[in-house]
Amino acid sequence: EAILDQMPHLKASPYISSQVMLRRGQKLEGALM
């Protein structure tokens, strides 16, 4: 909110991120969620 108050022309999207492993059956792959 402080960023947008001082720079209202910006568009913001807050996020949470986590490195994850995806598994289906025996297949395992890395990803970023």
PDB file of all heavy atoms in Angstrom:
ATOM      1  N   GLU A   1       0.831  -1.208   0.000  1.00  0.00           N
ATOM      2  CA  GLU A   1       0.000   0.000   0.000  1.00  0.00           C
ATOM      3  C   GLU A   1       0.866   1.259   0.000  1.00  0.00           C
ATOM      4  O   GLU A   1       0.536   2.247  -0.674  1.00  0.00           O
ATOM      5  CB  GLU A   1      -0.925  -0.011   1.223  1.00  0.00           C
ATOM      6  CG  GLU A   1      -1.996  -1.096   1.160  1.00  0.00           C
ATOM      7  CD  GLU A   1      -2.770  -1.230   2.459  1.00  0.00           C
ATOM      8  OE1 GLU A   1      -2.375  -0.553   3.452  1.00  0.00           O
ATOM      9  OE2 GLU A   1      -3.758  -1.995   2.487  1.00  0.00           O
ATOM     10  N   ALA A   2       1.976   1.228   0.714  1.00  0.00           N
ATOM     11  CA  ALA A   2       2.871   2.396   0.771  1.00  0.00           C
ATOM     12  C   ALA A   2       3.491   2.669  -0.603  1.00  0.00           C
ATOM     13  O   ALA A   2       3.622   3.821  -1.030  1.00  0.00           O
ATOM     14  CB  ALA A   2       3.965   2.170   1.809  1.00  0.00           C
ATOM     15  N   ILE A   3       3.868   1.602  -1.296  1.00  0.00           N
ATOM     16  CA  ILE A   3       4.445   1.762  -2.645  1.00  0.00           C
ATOM     17  C   ILE A   3       3.426   2.382  -3.587  1.00  0.00           C
ATOM     18  O   ILE A   3       3.722   3.321  -4.338  1.00  0.00           O
ATOM     19  CB  ILE A   3       4.924   0.397  -3.190  1.00  0.00           C
ATOM     20  CG1 ILE A   3       6.128  -0.104  -2.396  1.00  0.00           C
ATOM     21  CG2 ILE A   3       5.275   0.509  -4.675  1.00  0.00           C
ATOM     22  CD1 ILE A   3       6.524  -1.529  -2.721  1.00  0.00           C
ATOM     23  N   LEU A   4       2.194   1.864  -3.560  1.00  0.00           N
ATOM     24  CA  LEU A   4       1.152   2.352  -4.463  1.00  0.00           C
ATOM     25  C   LEU A   4       0.692   3.760  -4.103  1.00  0.00           C
ATOM     26  O   LEU A   4       0.246   4.507  -4.978  1.00  0.00           O
ATOM     27  CB  LEU A   4      -0.034   1.389  -4.473  1.00  0.00           C
ATOM     28  CG  LEU A   4       0.264  -0.019  -5.040  1.00  0.00           C
ATOM     29  CD1 LEU A   4      -0.984  -0.886  -4.986  1.00  0.00           C
ATOM     30  CD2 LEU A   4       0.782   0.079  -6.465  1.00  0.00           C
ATOM     31  N   ASP A   5       0.785   4.126  -2.817  1.00  0.00           N
ATOM     32  CA  ASP A   5       0.425   5.496  -2.410  1.00  0.00           C
ATOM     33  C   ASP A   5       1.402   6.502  -3.003  1.00  0.00           C
ATOM     34  O   ASP A   5       1.006   7.586  -3.452  1.00  0.00           O
ATOM     35  CB  ASP A   5       0.433   5.600  -0.878  1.00  0.00           C
ATOM     36  CG  ASP A   5      -0.808   4.981  -0.254  1.00  0.00           C
ATOM     37  OD1 ASP A   5      -1.792   4.765  -0.999  1.00  0.00           O
ATOM     38  OD2 ASP A   5      -0.779   4.669   0.949  1.00  0.00           O
ATOM     39  N   GLN A   6       2.688   6.150  -3.026  1.00  0.00           N
ATOM     40  CA  GLN A   6       3.710   7.075  -3.532  1.00  0.00           C
ATOM     41  C   GLN A   6       3.880   6.990  -5.049  1.00  0.00           C
ATOM     42  O   GLN A   6       4.300   7.953  -5.671  1.00  0.00           O
ATOM     43  CB  GLN A   6       5.052   6.778  -2.840  1.00  0.00           C
ATOM     44  CG  GLN A   6       5.017   7.026  -1.334  1.00  0.00           C
ATOM     45  CD  GLN A   6       6.376   6.805  -0.692  1.00  0.00           C
ATOM     46  OE1 GLN A   6       7.312   7.559  -0.918  1.00  0.00           O
ATOM     47  NE2 GLN A   6       6.483   5.757   0.117  1.00  0.00           N
ATOM     48  N   MET A   7       3.551   5.834  -5.616  1.00  0.00           N
ATOM     49  CA  MET A   7       3.683   5.652  -7.065  1.00  0.00           C
ATOM     50  C   MET A   7       2.390   5.014  -7.600  1.00  0.00           C
ATOM     51  O   MET A   7       2.354   3.826  -7.962  1.00  0.00           O
ATOM     52  CB  MET A   7       4.895   4.772  -7.376  1.00  0.00           C
ATOM     53  CG  MET A   7       6.195   5.292  -6.799  1.00  0.00           C
ATOM     54  SD  MET A   7       7.627   4.244  -7.216  1.00  0.00           S
ATOM     55  CE  MET A   7       7.820   4.621  -8.969  1.00  0.00           C
ATOM     56  N   PRO A   8       1.314   5.808  -7.646  1.00  0.00           N
ATOM     57  CA  PRO A   8      -0.006   5.254  -8.010  1.00  0.00           C
ATOM     58  C   PRO A   8      -0.103   4.754  -9.450  1.00  0.00           C
ATOM     59  O   PRO A   8      -1.052   4.037  -9.789  1.00  0.00           O
ATOM     60  CB  PRO A   8      -0.950   6.439  -7.773  1.00  0.00           C
ATOM     61  CG  PRO A   8      -0.085   7.659  -7.853  1.00  0.00           C
ATOM     62  CD  PRO A   8       1.239   7.245  -7.337  1.00  0.00           C
ATOM     63  N   HIS A   9       0.837   5.126 -10.318  1.00  0.00           N
ATOM     64  CA  HIS A   9       0.769   4.687 -11.711  1.00  0.00           C
ATOM     65  C   HIS A   9       1.202   3.227 -11.882  1.00  0.00           C
ATOM     66  O   HIS A   9       1.003   2.631 -12.947  1.00  0.00           O
ATOM     67  CB  HIS A   9       1.650   5.578 -12.590  1.00  0.00           C
ATOM     68  CG  HIS A   9       3.100   5.544 -12.222  1.00  0.00           C
ATOM     69  ND1 HIS A   9       3.613   6.203 -11.129  1.00  0.00           N
ATOM     70  CD2 HIS A   9       4.153   4.909 -12.800  1.00  0.00           C
ATOM     71  CE1 HIS A   9       4.917   5.996 -11.049  1.00  0.00           C
ATOM     72  NE2 HIS A   9       5.275   5.198 -12.058  1.00  0.00           N
ATOM     73  N   LEU A  10       1.815   2.640 -10.850  1.00  0.00           N
ATOM     74  CA  LEU A  10       2.251   1.245 -10.923  1.00  0.00           C
ATOM     75  C   LEU A  10       1.077   0.293 -10.670  1.00  0.00           C
ATOM     76  O   LEU A  10       0.142   0.618  -9.940  1.00  0.00           O
ATOM     77  CB  LEU A  10       3.352   0.973  -9.892  1.00  0.00           C
ATOM     78  CG  LEU A  10       4.669   1.744 -10.027  1.00  0.00           C
ATOM     79  CD1 LEU A  10       5.609   1.371  -8.903  1.00  0.00           C
ATOM     80  CD2 LEU A  10       5.310   1.466 -11.381  1.00  0.00           C
ATOM     81  N   LYS A  11       1.153  -0.890 -11.260  1.00  0.00           N
ATOM     82  CA  LYS A  11       0.205  -1.968 -10.984  1.00  0.00           C
ATOM     83  C   LYS A  11       0.946  -3.046 -10.212  1.00  0.00           C
ATOM     84  O   LYS A  11       2.043  -3.445 -10.606  1.00  0.00           O
ATOM     85  CB  LYS A  11      -0.360  -2.538 -12.282  1.00  0.00           C
ATOM     86  CG  LYS A  11      -1.201  -1.550 -13.075  1.00  0.00           C
ATOM     87  CD  LYS A  11      -1.701  -2.180 -14.363  1.00  0.00           C
ATOM     88  CE  LYS A  11      -2.500  -1.185 -15.198  1.00  0.00           C
ATOM     89  NZ  LYS A  11      -2.941  -1.775 -16.491  1.00  0.00           N
ATOM     90  N   ALA A  12       0.345  -3.513  -9.109  1.00  0.00           N
ATOM     91  CA  ALA A  12       1.044  -4.437  -8.217  1.00  0.00           C
ATOM     92  C   ALA A  12       0.301  -5.757  -8.079  1.00  0.00           C
ATOM     93  O   ALA A  12      -0.932  -5.799  -8.100  1.00  0.00           O
ATOM     94  CB  ALA A  12       1.222  -3.795  -6.842  1.00  0.00           C
ATOM     95  N   SER A  13       1.070  -6.825  -7.930  1.00  0.00           N
ATOM     96  CA  SER A  13       0.521  -8.151  -7.653  1.00  0.00           C
ATOM     97  C   SER A  13       1.420  -8.821  -6.611  1.00  0.00           C
ATOM     98  O   SER A  13       2.450  -9.404  -6.963  1.00  0.00           O
ATOM     99  CB  SER A  13       0.459  -8.997  -8.932  1.00  0.00           C
ATOM    100  OG  SER A  13       0.020 -10.314  -8.640  1.00  0.00           O
ATOM    101  N   PRO A  14       1.029  -8.770  -5.322  1.00  0.00           N
ATOM    102  CA  PRO A  14       1.829  -9.434  -4.283  1.00  0.00           C
ATOM    103  C   PRO A  14       1.800 -10.948  -4.489  1.00  0.00           C
ATOM    104  O   PRO A  14       0.821 -11.497  -5.001  1.00  0.00           O
ATOM    105  CB  PRO A  14       1.122  -9.040  -2.984  1.00  0.00           C
ATOM    106  CG  PRO A  14       0.229  -7.900  -3.337  1.00  0.00           C
ATOM    107  CD  PRO A  14      -0.144  -8.077  -4.765  1.00  0.00           C
ATOM    108  N   TYR A  15       2.857 -11.609  -4.060  1.00  0.00           N
ATOM    109  CA  TYR A  15       2.916 -13.061  -4.280  1.00  0.00           C
ATOM    110  C   TYR A  15       3.638 -13.765  -3.148  1.00  0.00           C
ATOM    111  O   TYR A  15       4.420 -13.167  -2.400  1.00  0.00           O
ATOM    112  CB  TYR A  15       3.635 -13.367  -5.596  1.00  0.00           C
ATOM    113  CG  TYR A  15       5.109 -13.066  -5.569  1.00  0.00           C
ATOM    114  CD1 TYR A  15       6.043 -14.012  -5.153  1.00  0.00           C
ATOM    115  CD2 TYR A  15       5.598 -11.803  -5.939  1.00  0.00           C
ATOM    116  CE1 TYR A  15       7.400 -13.725  -5.110  1.00  0.00           C
ATOM    117  CE2 TYR A  15       6.958 -11.518  -5.903  1.00  0.00           C
ATOM    118  CZ  TYR A  15       7.857 -12.482  -5.486  1.00  0.00           C
ATOM    119  OH  TYR A  15       9.188 -12.196  -5.423  1.00  0.00           O
ATOM    120  N   ILE A  16       3.335 -15.045  -3.030  1.00  0.00           N
ATOM    121  CA  ILE A  16       4.107 -15.976  -2.204  1.00  0.00           C
ATOM    122  C   ILE A  16       4.667 -17.006  -3.164  1.00  0.00           C
ATOM    123  O   ILE A  16       3.974 -17.441  -4.088  1.00  0.00           O
ATOM    124  CB  ILE A  16       3.216 -16.668  -1.144  1.00  0.00           C
ATOM    125  CG1 ILE A  16       2.626 -15.643  -0.184  1.00  0.00           C
ATOM    126  CG2 ILE A  16       4.007 -17.723  -0.381  1.00  0.00           C
ATOM    127  CD1 ILE A  16       1.605 -16.236   0.791  1.00  0.00           C
ATOM    128  N   SER A  17       5.913 -17.381  -2.992  1.00  0.00           N
ATOM    129  CA  SER A  17       6.509 -18.360  -3.901  1.00  0.00           C
ATOM    130  C   SER A  17       7.169 -19.484  -3.113  1.00  0.00           C
ATOM    131  O   SER A  17       7.615 -19.280  -1.980  1.00  0.00           O
ATOM    132  CB  SER A  17       7.528 -17.701  -4.825  1.00  0.00           C
ATOM    133  OG  SER A  17       8.629 -17.234  -4.088  1.00  0.00           O
ATOM    134  N   SER A  18       7.228 -20.638  -3.756  1.00  0.00           N
ATOM    135  CA  SER A  18       7.870 -21.787  -3.126  1.00  0.00           C
ATOM    136  C   SER A  18       8.369 -22.749  -4.189  1.00  0.00           C
ATOM    137  O   SER A  18       7.668 -23.024  -5.170  1.00  0.00           O
ATOM    138  CB  SER A  18       6.885 -22.503  -2.200  1.00  0.00           C
ATOM    139  OG  SER A  18       7.472 -23.662  -1.636  1.00  0.00           O
ATOM    140  N   GLN A  19       9.580 -23.234  -4.005  1.00  0.00           N
ATOM    141  CA  GLN A  19      10.066 -24.302  -4.858  1.00  0.00           C
ATOM    142  C   GLN A  19       9.405 -25.602  -4.422  1.00  0.00           C
ATOM    143  O   GLN A  19       9.338 -25.908  -3.227  1.00  0.00           O
ATOM    144  CB  GLN A  19      11.589 -24.428  -4.753  1.00  0.00           C
ATOM    145  CG  GLN A  19      12.330 -23.244  -5.341  1.00  0.00           C
ATOM    146  CD  GLN A  19      13.828 -23.418  -5.305  1.00  0.00           C
ATOM    147  OE1 GLN A  19      14.336 -24.223  -4.539  1.00  0.00           O
ATOM    148  NE2 GLN A  19      14.529 -22.659  -6.124  1.00  0.00           N
ATOM    149  N   VAL A  20       8.913 -26.349  -5.392  1.00  0.00           N
ATOM    150  CA  VAL A  20       8.140 -27.555  -5.088  1.00  0.00           C
ATOM    151  C   VAL A  20       8.613 -28.705  -5.977  1.00  0.00           C
ATOM    152  O   VAL A  20       9.300 -28.509  -6.983  1.00  0.00           O
ATOM    153  CB  VAL A  20       6.628 -27.337  -5.301  1.00  0.00           C
ATOM    154  CG1 VAL A  20       6.110 -26.258  -4.372  1.00  0.00           C
ATOM    155  CG2 VAL A  20       6.321 -26.976  -6.763  1.00  0.00           C
ATOM    156  N   MET A  21       8.225 -29.924  -5.577  1.00  0.00           N
ATOM    157  CA  MET A  21       8.397 -31.107  -6.403  1.00  0.00           C
ATOM    158  C   MET A  21       7.008 -31.606  -6.780  1.00  0.00           C
ATOM    159  O   MET A  21       6.105 -31.682  -5.942  1.00  0.00           O
ATOM    160  CB  MET A  21       9.153 -32.196  -5.649  1.00  0.00           C
ATOM    161  CG  MET A  21      10.564 -31.816  -5.264  1.00  0.00           C
ATOM    162  SD  MET A  21      11.653 -31.534  -6.686  1.00  0.00           S
ATOM    163  CE  MET A  21      11.757 -33.181  -7.362  1.00  0.00           C
ATOM    164  N   LEU A  22       6.830 -31.916  -8.058  1.00  0.00           N
ATOM    165  CA  LEU A  22       5.547 -32.418  -8.547  1.00  0.00           C
ATOM    166  C   LEU A  22       5.666 -33.920  -8.769  1.00  0.00           C
ATOM    167  O   LEU A  22       6.650 -34.393  -9.352  1.00  0.00           O
ATOM    168  CB  LEU A  22       5.172 -31.724  -9.859  1.00  0.00           C
ATOM    169  CG  LEU A  22       5.202 -30.185  -9.859  1.00  0.00           C
ATOM    170  CD1 LEU A  22       4.878 -29.644 -11.245  1.00  0.00           C
ATOM    171  CD2 LEU A  22       4.245 -29.629  -8.828  1.00  0.00           C
ATOM    172  N   ARG A  23       4.654 -34.651  -8.296  1.00  0.00           N
ATOM    173  CA  ARG A  23       4.711 -36.111  -8.437  1.00  0.00           C
ATOM    174  C   ARG A  23       3.377 -36.642  -8.950  1.00  0.00           C
ATOM    175  O   ARG A  23       2.313 -36.262  -8.480  1.00  0.00           O
ATOM    176  CB  ARG A  23       5.038 -36.770  -7.098  1.00  0.00           C
ATOM    177  CG  ARG A  23       5.352 -38.270  -7.219  1.00  0.00           C
ATOM    178  CD  ARG A  23       5.657 -38.876  -5.870  1.00  0.00           C
ATOM    179  NE  ARG A  23       4.418 -39.048  -5.096  1.00  0.00           N
ATOM    180  CZ  ARG A  23       4.379 -39.406  -3.812  1.00  0.00           C
ATOM    181  NH1 ARG A  23       5.527 -39.591  -3.156  1.00  0.00           N
ATOM    182  NH2 ARG A  23       3.227 -39.548  -3.183  1.00  0.00           N
ATOM    183  N   ARG A  24       3.517 -37.515  -9.943  1.00  0.00           N
ATOM    184  CA  ARG A  24       2.364 -38.251 -10.431  1.00  0.00           C
ATOM    185  C   ARG A  24       2.848 -39.658 -10.808  1.00  0.00           C
ATOM    186  O   ARG A  24       3.657 -39.799 -11.722  1.00  0.00           O
ATOM    187  CB  ARG A  24       1.721 -37.586 -11.639  1.00  0.00           C
ATOM    188  CG  ARG A  24       0.384 -38.232 -12.012  1.00  0.00           C
ATOM    189  CD  ARG A  24      -0.224 -37.620 -13.245  1.00  0.00           C
ATOM    190  NE  ARG A  24      -1.560 -38.130 -13.452  1.00  0.00           N
ATOM    191  CZ  ARG A  24      -2.252 -38.023 -14.573  1.00  0.00           C
ATOM    192  NH1 ARG A  24      -1.703 -37.394 -15.614  1.00  0.00           N
ATOM    193  NH2 ARG A  24      -3.446 -38.524 -14.680  1.00  0.00           N
ATOM    194  N   GLY A  25       2.353 -40.650 -10.093  1.00  0.00           N
ATOM    195  CA  GLY A  25       2.867 -41.993 -10.290  1.00  0.00           C
ATOM    196  C   GLY A  25       4.327 -42.040  -9.858  1.00  0.00           C
ATOM    197  O   GLY A  25       4.697 -41.623  -8.763  1.00  0.00           O
ATOM    198  N   GLN A  26       5.197 -42.497 -10.754  1.00  0.00           N
ATOM    199  CA  GLN A  26       6.624 -42.577 -10.468  1.00  0.00           C
ATOM    200  C   GLN A  26       7.393 -41.356 -10.984  1.00  0.00           C
ATOM    201  O   GLN A  26       8.600 -41.262 -10.778  1.00  0.00           O
ATOM    202  CB  GLN A  26       7.202 -43.859 -11.110  1.00  0.00           C
ATOM    203  CG  GLN A  26       6.600 -45.145 -10.572  1.00  0.00           C
ATOM    204  CD  GLN A  26       6.820 -45.295  -9.076  1.00  0.00           C
ATOM    205  OE1 GLN A  26       7.923 -45.087  -8.575  1.00  0.00           O
ATOM    206  NE2 GLN A  26       5.753 -45.633  -8.346  1.00  0.00           N
ATOM    207  N   LYS A  27       6.712 -40.451 -11.676  1.00  0.00           N
ATOM    208  CA  LYS A  27       7.378 -39.282 -12.264  1.00  0.00           C
ATOM    209  C   LYS A  27       7.484 -38.163 -11.237  1.00  0.00           C
ATOM    210  O   LYS A  27       6.521 -37.838 -10.535  1.00  0.00           O
ATOM    211  CB  LYS A  27       6.622 -38.790 -13.501  1.00  0.00           C
ATOM    212  CG  LYS A  27       7.334 -37.653 -14.224  1.00  0.00           C
ATOM    213  CD  LYS A  27       6.621 -37.286 -15.494  1.00  0.00           C
ATOM    214  CE  LYS A  27       6.886 -38.278 -16.588  1.00  0.00           C
ATOM    215  NZ  LYS A  27       8.311 -38.257 -17.015  1.00  0.00           N
ATOM    216  N   LEU A  28       8.668 -37.571 -11.148  1.00  0.00           N
ATOM    217  CA  LEU A  28       8.939 -36.518 -10.181  1.00  0.00           C
ATOM    218  C   LEU A  28       9.687 -35.392 -10.889  1.00  0.00           C
ATOM    219  O   LEU A  28      10.710 -35.627 -11.532  1.00  0.00           O
ATOM    220  CB  LEU A  28       9.784 -37.070  -9.032  1.00  0.00           C
ATOM    221  CG  LEU A  28       9.870 -36.252  -7.746  1.00  0.00           C
ATOM    222  CD1 LEU A  28       8.524 -36.194  -7.048  1.00  0.00           C
ATOM    223  CD2 LEU A  28      10.913 -36.868  -6.809  1.00  0.00           C
ATOM    224  N   GLU A  29       9.168 -34.164 -10.806  1.00  0.00           N
ATOM    225  CA  GLU A  29       9.783 -33.005 -11.464  1.00  0.00           C
ATOM    226  C   GLU A  29       9.744 -31.795 -10.535  1.00  0.00           C
ATOM    227  O   GLU A  29       8.840 -31.658  -9.714  1.00  0.00           O
ATOM    228  CB  GLU A  29       9.049 -32.656 -12.765  1.00  0.00           C
ATOM    229  CG  GLU A  29       9.151 -33.706 -13.858  1.00  0.00           C
ATOM    230  CD  GLU A  29      10.528 -33.784 -14.492  1.00  0.00           C
ATOM    231  OE1 GLU A  29      11.307 -32.806 -14.333  1.00  0.00           O
ATOM    232  OE2 GLU A  29      10.825 -34.809 -15.118  1.00  0.00           O
ATOM    233  N   GLY A  30      10.735 -30.911 -10.681  1.00  0.00           N
ATOM    234  CA  GLY A  30      10.766 -29.691  -9.896  1.00  0.00           C
ATOM    235  C   GLY A  30       9.984 -28.567 -10.562  1.00  0.00           C
ATOM    236  O   GLY A  30       9.812 -28.561 -11.780  1.00  0.00           O
ATOM    237  N   ALA A  31       9.495 -27.621  -9.767  1.00  0.00           N
ATOM    238  CA  ALA A  31       8.733 -26.486 -10.294  1.00  0.00           C
ATOM    239  C   ALA A  31       8.795 -25.328  -9.300  1.00  0.00           C
ATOM    240  O   ALA A  31       9.314 -25.470  -8.190  1.00  0.00           O
ATOM    241  CB  ALA A  31       7.289 -26.881 -10.566  1.00  0.00           C
ATOM    242  N   LEU A  32       8.280 -24.193  -9.728  1.00  0.00           N
ATOM    243  CA  LEU A  32       8.193 -23.005  -8.880  1.00  0.00           C
ATOM    244  C   LEU A  32       6.738 -22.579  -8.832  1.00  0.00           C
ATOM    245  O   LEU A  32       6.145 -22.242  -9.863  1.00  0.00           O
ATOM    246  CB  LEU A  32       9.064 -21.884  -9.440  1.00  0.00           C
ATOM    247  CG  LEU A  32       9.128 -20.583  -8.639  1.00  0.00           C
ATOM    248  CD1 LEU A  32       9.735 -20.835  -7.260  1.00  0.00           C
ATOM    249  CD2 LEU A  32       9.947 -19.535  -9.370  1.00  0.00           C
ATOM    250  N   MET A  33       6.140 -22.622  -7.640  1.00  0.00           N
ATOM    251  CA  MET A  33       4.719 -22.289  -7.484  1.00  0.00           C
ATOM    252  C   MET A  33       4.576 -20.893  -6.901  1.00  0.00           C
ATOM    253  O   MET A  33       5.221 -20.549  -5.907  1.00  0.00           O
ATOM    254  CB  MET A  33       4.027 -23.321  -6.589  1.00  0.00           C
ATOM    255  CG  MET A  33       2.559 -23.028  -6.355  1.00  0.00           C
ATOM    256  SD  MET A  33       1.710 -24.334  -5.422  1.00  0.00           S
ATOM    257  CE  MET A  33       1.303 -25.463  -6.749  1.00  0.00           C
TER     258      MET A  33
END
